[in-house]
Amino acid sequence: MTKGPHHSGSYQRRAKQVRQAAAADPSTRCWQCGKTQAEHGRAWTAGHEHDGDPNGRLLPECARCNYSRGATAGNRRRQGLNPTRNW
């Protein structure tokens, strides 16, 4: 099995930096829902500003928003639809 682009290059390092910076600053807000970690109570992830671009800008995103967007993209892909449309 071939690893996807998220497992190579600088993605992992950049994602870790985004997560650590968000965790260190309690005023950080999820770029999707606008909530702080105290408000949403979920772990930080690194969300893609532009879905499907592993080299693009990463922003702090709560796990709920990130995983929900990923599931929606996967479902759209399986249906033969464009998974990277604007949300």
N, C-alpha and C. Protein backbone atom coordinates (compact mmCIF):
# COMPACT_ATOMS: atom_id res chain seq x y z
N MET A 1 0.85 -1.18 0.00
CA MET A 1 0.00 0.00 0.00
C MET A 1 0.89 1.24 0.00
N THR A 2 0.61 2.18 -0.88
CA THR A 2 1.37 3.41 -0.97
C THR A 2 0.81 4.43 0.01
N LYS A 3 1.72 5.09 0.71
CA LYS A 3 1.28 6.12 1.65
C LYS A 3 0.88 7.37 0.89
N GLY A 4 -0.13 8.06 1.42
CA GLY A 4 -0.61 9.29 0.81
C GLY A 4 0.32 10.45 1.10
N PRO A 5 0.07 11.59 0.47
CA PRO A 5 0.93 12.76 0.62
C PRO A 5 0.99 13.30 2.04
N HIS A 6 0.03 12.94 2.88
CA HIS A 6 0.04 13.41 4.26
C HIS A 6 1.06 12.68 5.12
N HIS A 7 1.68 11.68 4.57
CA HIS A 7 2.66 10.91 5.33
C HIS A 7 4.07 11.13 4.80
N SER A 8 4.25 12.15 4.00
CA SER A 8 5.57 12.41 3.45
C SER A 8 5.83 13.91 3.43
N GLY A 9 7.05 14.28 3.11
CA GLY A 9 7.39 15.69 3.02
C GLY A 9 7.31 16.38 4.37
N SER A 10 6.92 17.64 4.36
CA SER A 10 6.92 18.44 5.58
C SER A 10 5.57 18.45 6.29
N TYR A 11 4.58 17.76 5.77
CA TYR A 11 3.23 17.83 6.34
C TYR A 11 3.22 17.47 7.82
N GLN A 12 3.79 16.34 8.19
CA GLN A 12 3.73 15.88 9.58
C GLN A 12 4.37 16.90 10.53
N ARG A 13 5.50 17.46 10.13
CA ARG A 13 6.20 18.45 10.97
C ARG A 13 5.36 19.72 11.10
N ARG A 14 4.81 20.18 10.00
CA ARG A 14 4.01 21.40 10.03
C ARG A 14 2.72 21.20 10.84
N ALA A 15 2.10 20.05 10.70
CA ALA A 15 0.87 19.76 11.45
C ALA A 15 1.15 19.73 12.96
N LYS A 16 2.25 19.15 13.34
CA LYS A 16 2.62 19.09 14.75
C LYS A 16 2.84 20.50 15.30
N GLN A 17 3.48 21.36 14.54
CA GLN A 17 3.71 22.74 14.98
C GLN A 17 2.39 23.47 15.19
N VAL A 18 1.44 23.28 14.29
CA VAL A 18 0.12 23.93 14.41
C VAL A 18 -0.59 23.43 15.66
N ARG A 19 -0.59 22.11 15.88
CA ARG A 19 -1.26 21.55 17.06
C ARG A 19 -0.62 22.05 18.35
N GLN A 20 0.71 22.06 18.41
CA GLN A 20 1.40 22.50 19.62
C GLN A 20 1.15 23.98 19.91
N ALA A 21 1.19 24.80 18.88
CA ALA A 21 0.95 26.24 19.07
C ALA A 21 -0.47 26.48 19.56
N ALA A 22 -1.45 25.76 19.01
CA ALA A 22 -2.84 25.92 19.42
C ALA A 22 -3.02 25.48 20.87
N ALA A 23 -2.40 24.37 21.24
CA ALA A 23 -2.53 23.86 22.61
C ALA A 23 -1.87 24.80 23.63
N ALA A 24 -0.83 25.50 23.22
CA ALA A 24 -0.10 26.38 24.13
C ALA A 24 -0.81 27.72 24.35
N ASP A 25 -1.75 28.07 23.49
CA ASP A 25 -2.43 29.36 23.58
C ASP A 25 -3.93 29.15 23.79
N PRO A 26 -4.42 29.35 25.01
CA PRO A 26 -5.83 29.10 25.30
C PRO A 26 -6.80 30.00 24.52
N SER A 27 -6.31 31.08 23.93
CA SER A 27 -7.19 31.96 23.17
C SER A 27 -7.33 31.54 21.70
N THR A 28 -6.61 30.47 21.30
CA THR A 28 -6.70 29.99 19.93
C THR A 28 -8.13 29.54 19.63
N ARG A 29 -8.60 29.91 18.45
CA ARG A 29 -9.95 29.53 18.03
C ARG A 29 -9.86 28.64 16.79
N CYS A 30 -10.76 27.66 16.73
CA CYS A 30 -10.87 26.79 15.56
C CYS A 30 -11.22 27.66 14.36
N TRP A 31 -10.52 27.47 13.28
CA TRP A 31 -10.77 28.32 12.12
C TRP A 31 -12.09 28.00 11.43
N GLN A 32 -12.73 26.88 11.79
CA GLN A 32 -14.02 26.52 11.21
C GLN A 32 -15.19 26.98 12.09
N CYS A 33 -15.19 26.58 13.36
CA CYS A 33 -16.34 26.88 14.22
C CYS A 33 -16.12 28.11 15.10
N GLY A 34 -14.88 28.56 15.21
CA GLY A 34 -14.58 29.76 15.97
C GLY A 34 -14.51 29.58 17.47
N LYS A 35 -14.56 28.34 17.95
CA LYS A 35 -14.54 28.09 19.39
C LYS A 35 -13.13 27.83 19.89
N THR A 36 -12.88 28.18 21.17
CA THR A 36 -11.62 27.85 21.83
C THR A 36 -11.70 26.41 22.31
N GLN A 37 -10.58 25.87 22.76
CA GLN A 37 -10.59 24.49 23.25
C GLN A 37 -11.48 24.38 24.50
N ALA A 38 -11.48 25.41 25.34
CA ALA A 38 -12.35 25.38 26.53
C ALA A 38 -13.82 25.31 26.13
N GLU A 39 -14.17 25.92 25.00
CA GLU A 39 -15.55 25.93 24.55
C GLU A 39 -15.96 24.63 23.85
N HIS A 40 -15.04 24.03 23.10
CA HIS A 40 -15.42 22.81 22.37
C HIS A 40 -14.94 21.54 23.04
N GLY A 41 -13.93 21.62 23.91
CA GLY A 41 -13.48 20.47 24.69
C GLY A 41 -12.85 19.34 23.89
N ARG A 42 -12.39 19.64 22.70
CA ARG A 42 -11.81 18.60 21.85
C ARG A 42 -10.34 18.90 21.57
N ALA A 43 -9.64 17.89 21.12
CA ALA A 43 -8.23 18.04 20.80
C ALA A 43 -8.06 18.92 19.56
N TRP A 44 -6.90 19.54 19.45
CA TRP A 44 -6.57 20.32 18.26
C TRP A 44 -6.02 19.42 17.17
N THR A 45 -6.37 19.75 15.96
CA THR A 45 -5.79 19.12 14.78
C THR A 45 -5.31 20.24 13.87
N ALA A 46 -4.65 19.87 12.79
CA ALA A 46 -4.21 20.85 11.80
C ALA A 46 -5.11 20.69 10.58
N GLY A 47 -5.95 21.67 10.35
CA GLY A 47 -6.89 21.61 9.24
C GLY A 47 -6.33 22.28 7.99
N HIS A 48 -6.67 21.74 6.85
CA HIS A 48 -6.22 22.30 5.57
C HIS A 48 -7.06 23.52 5.21
N GLU A 49 -6.39 24.61 4.90
CA GLU A 49 -7.12 25.77 4.42
C GLU A 49 -7.82 25.43 3.10
N HIS A 50 -7.12 24.67 2.27
CA HIS A 50 -7.68 24.19 1.00
C HIS A 50 -7.61 22.67 1.01
N ASP A 51 -8.74 22.02 1.16
CA ASP A 51 -8.79 20.56 1.24
C ASP A 51 -8.11 19.92 0.04
N GLY A 52 -7.39 18.85 0.31
CA GLY A 52 -6.74 18.10 -0.75
C GLY A 52 -5.36 18.60 -1.12
N ASP A 53 -4.90 19.67 -0.48
CA ASP A 53 -3.57 20.22 -0.78
C ASP A 53 -2.64 19.97 0.40
N PRO A 54 -1.87 18.87 0.38
CA PRO A 54 -1.01 18.54 1.51
C PRO A 54 0.12 19.54 1.73
N ASN A 55 0.40 20.37 0.75
CA ASN A 55 1.47 21.37 0.90
C ASN A 55 0.92 22.75 1.23
N GLY A 56 -0.38 22.87 1.33
CA GLY A 56 -1.02 24.16 1.59
C GLY A 56 -0.94 24.55 3.06
N ARG A 57 -1.48 25.71 3.34
CA ARG A 57 -1.50 26.27 4.68
C ARG A 57 -2.34 25.41 5.62
N LEU A 58 -1.84 25.20 6.83
CA LEU A 58 -2.55 24.46 7.87
C LEU A 58 -2.96 25.42 8.96
N LEU A 59 -4.17 25.25 9.48
CA LEU A 59 -4.70 26.13 10.51
C LEU A 59 -5.23 25.30 11.67
N PRO A 60 -5.25 25.87 12.89
CA PRO A 60 -5.79 25.14 14.04
C PRO A 60 -7.27 24.84 13.83
N GLU A 61 -7.62 23.58 14.02
CA GLU A 61 -9.00 23.16 13.81
C GLU A 61 -9.33 22.12 14.88
N CYS A 62 -10.51 22.24 15.50
CA CYS A 62 -10.88 21.24 16.50
C CYS A 62 -11.13 19.90 15.79
N ALA A 63 -10.94 18.83 16.53
CA ALA A 63 -11.07 17.50 15.95
C ALA A 63 -12.45 17.28 15.33
N ARG A 64 -13.50 17.78 15.96
CA ARG A 64 -14.85 17.58 15.43
C ARG A 64 -14.98 18.19 14.04
N CYS A 65 -14.55 19.42 13.89
CA CYS A 65 -14.66 20.09 12.58
C CYS A 65 -13.80 19.38 11.54
N ASN A 66 -12.57 19.03 11.91
CA ASN A 66 -11.65 18.41 10.96
C ASN A 66 -12.16 17.05 10.50
N TYR A 67 -12.54 16.21 11.43
CA TYR A 67 -12.97 14.86 11.08
C TYR A 67 -14.30 14.88 10.34
N SER A 68 -15.17 15.81 10.69
CA SER A 68 -16.45 15.94 9.99
C SER A 68 -16.22 16.33 8.53
N ARG A 69 -15.33 17.30 8.30
CA ARG A 69 -15.02 17.71 6.93
C ARG A 69 -14.37 16.58 6.15
N GLY A 70 -13.50 15.82 6.82
CA GLY A 70 -12.86 14.68 6.15
C GLY A 70 -13.85 13.60 5.78
N ALA A 71 -14.80 13.33 6.68
CA ALA A 71 -15.82 12.32 6.39
C ALA A 71 -16.70 12.77 5.23
N THR A 72 -17.06 14.03 5.22
CA THR A 72 -17.88 14.55 4.13
C THR A 72 -17.13 14.43 2.80
N ALA A 73 -15.85 14.78 2.80
CA ALA A 73 -15.05 14.67 1.57
C ALA A 73 -14.96 13.22 1.11
N GLY A 74 -14.74 12.30 2.04
CA GLY A 74 -14.66 10.87 1.70
C GLY A 74 -15.97 10.35 1.14
N ASN A 75 -17.08 10.76 1.75
CA ASN A 75 -18.39 10.34 1.25
C ASN A 75 -18.65 10.88 -0.15
N ARG A 76 -18.28 12.13 -0.37
CA ARG A 76 -18.47 12.73 -1.69
C ARG A 76 -17.61 12.00 -2.73
N ARG A 77 -16.37 11.68 -2.35
CA ARG A 77 -15.46 10.97 -3.27
C ARG A 77 -16.05 9.62 -3.66
N ARG A 78 -16.59 8.88 -2.68
CA ARG A 78 -17.18 7.58 -2.95
C ARG A 78 -18.42 7.68 -3.84
N GLN A 79 -19.09 8.81 -3.80
CA GLN A 79 -20.28 9.02 -4.64
C GLN A 79 -19.91 9.56 -6.02
N GLY A 80 -18.61 9.75 -6.25
CA GLY A 80 -18.18 10.27 -7.54
C GLY A 80 -18.31 11.76 -7.68
N LEU A 81 -18.46 12.45 -6.55
CA LEU A 81 -18.60 13.91 -6.55
C LEU A 81 -17.26 14.57 -6.22
N ASN A 82 -17.15 15.85 -6.43
CA ASN A 82 -15.93 16.59 -6.12
C ASN A 82 -15.77 16.72 -4.61
N PRO A 83 -14.76 16.06 -4.01
CA PRO A 83 -14.60 16.10 -2.56
C PRO A 83 -13.99 17.42 -2.06
N THR A 84 -13.44 18.24 -2.94
CA THR A 84 -12.75 19.44 -2.49
C THR A 84 -13.53 20.72 -2.77
N ARG A 85 -14.83 20.61 -2.88
CA ARG A 85 -15.63 21.81 -3.10
C ARG A 85 -15.51 22.72 -1.88
N ASN A 86 -15.85 23.97 -2.04
CA ASN A 86 -15.82 24.90 -0.90
C ASN A 86 -16.92 24.53 0.08
N TRP A 87 -16.59 24.49 1.34
CA TRP A 87 -17.55 24.13 2.39
C TRP A 87 -18.28 25.36 2.75
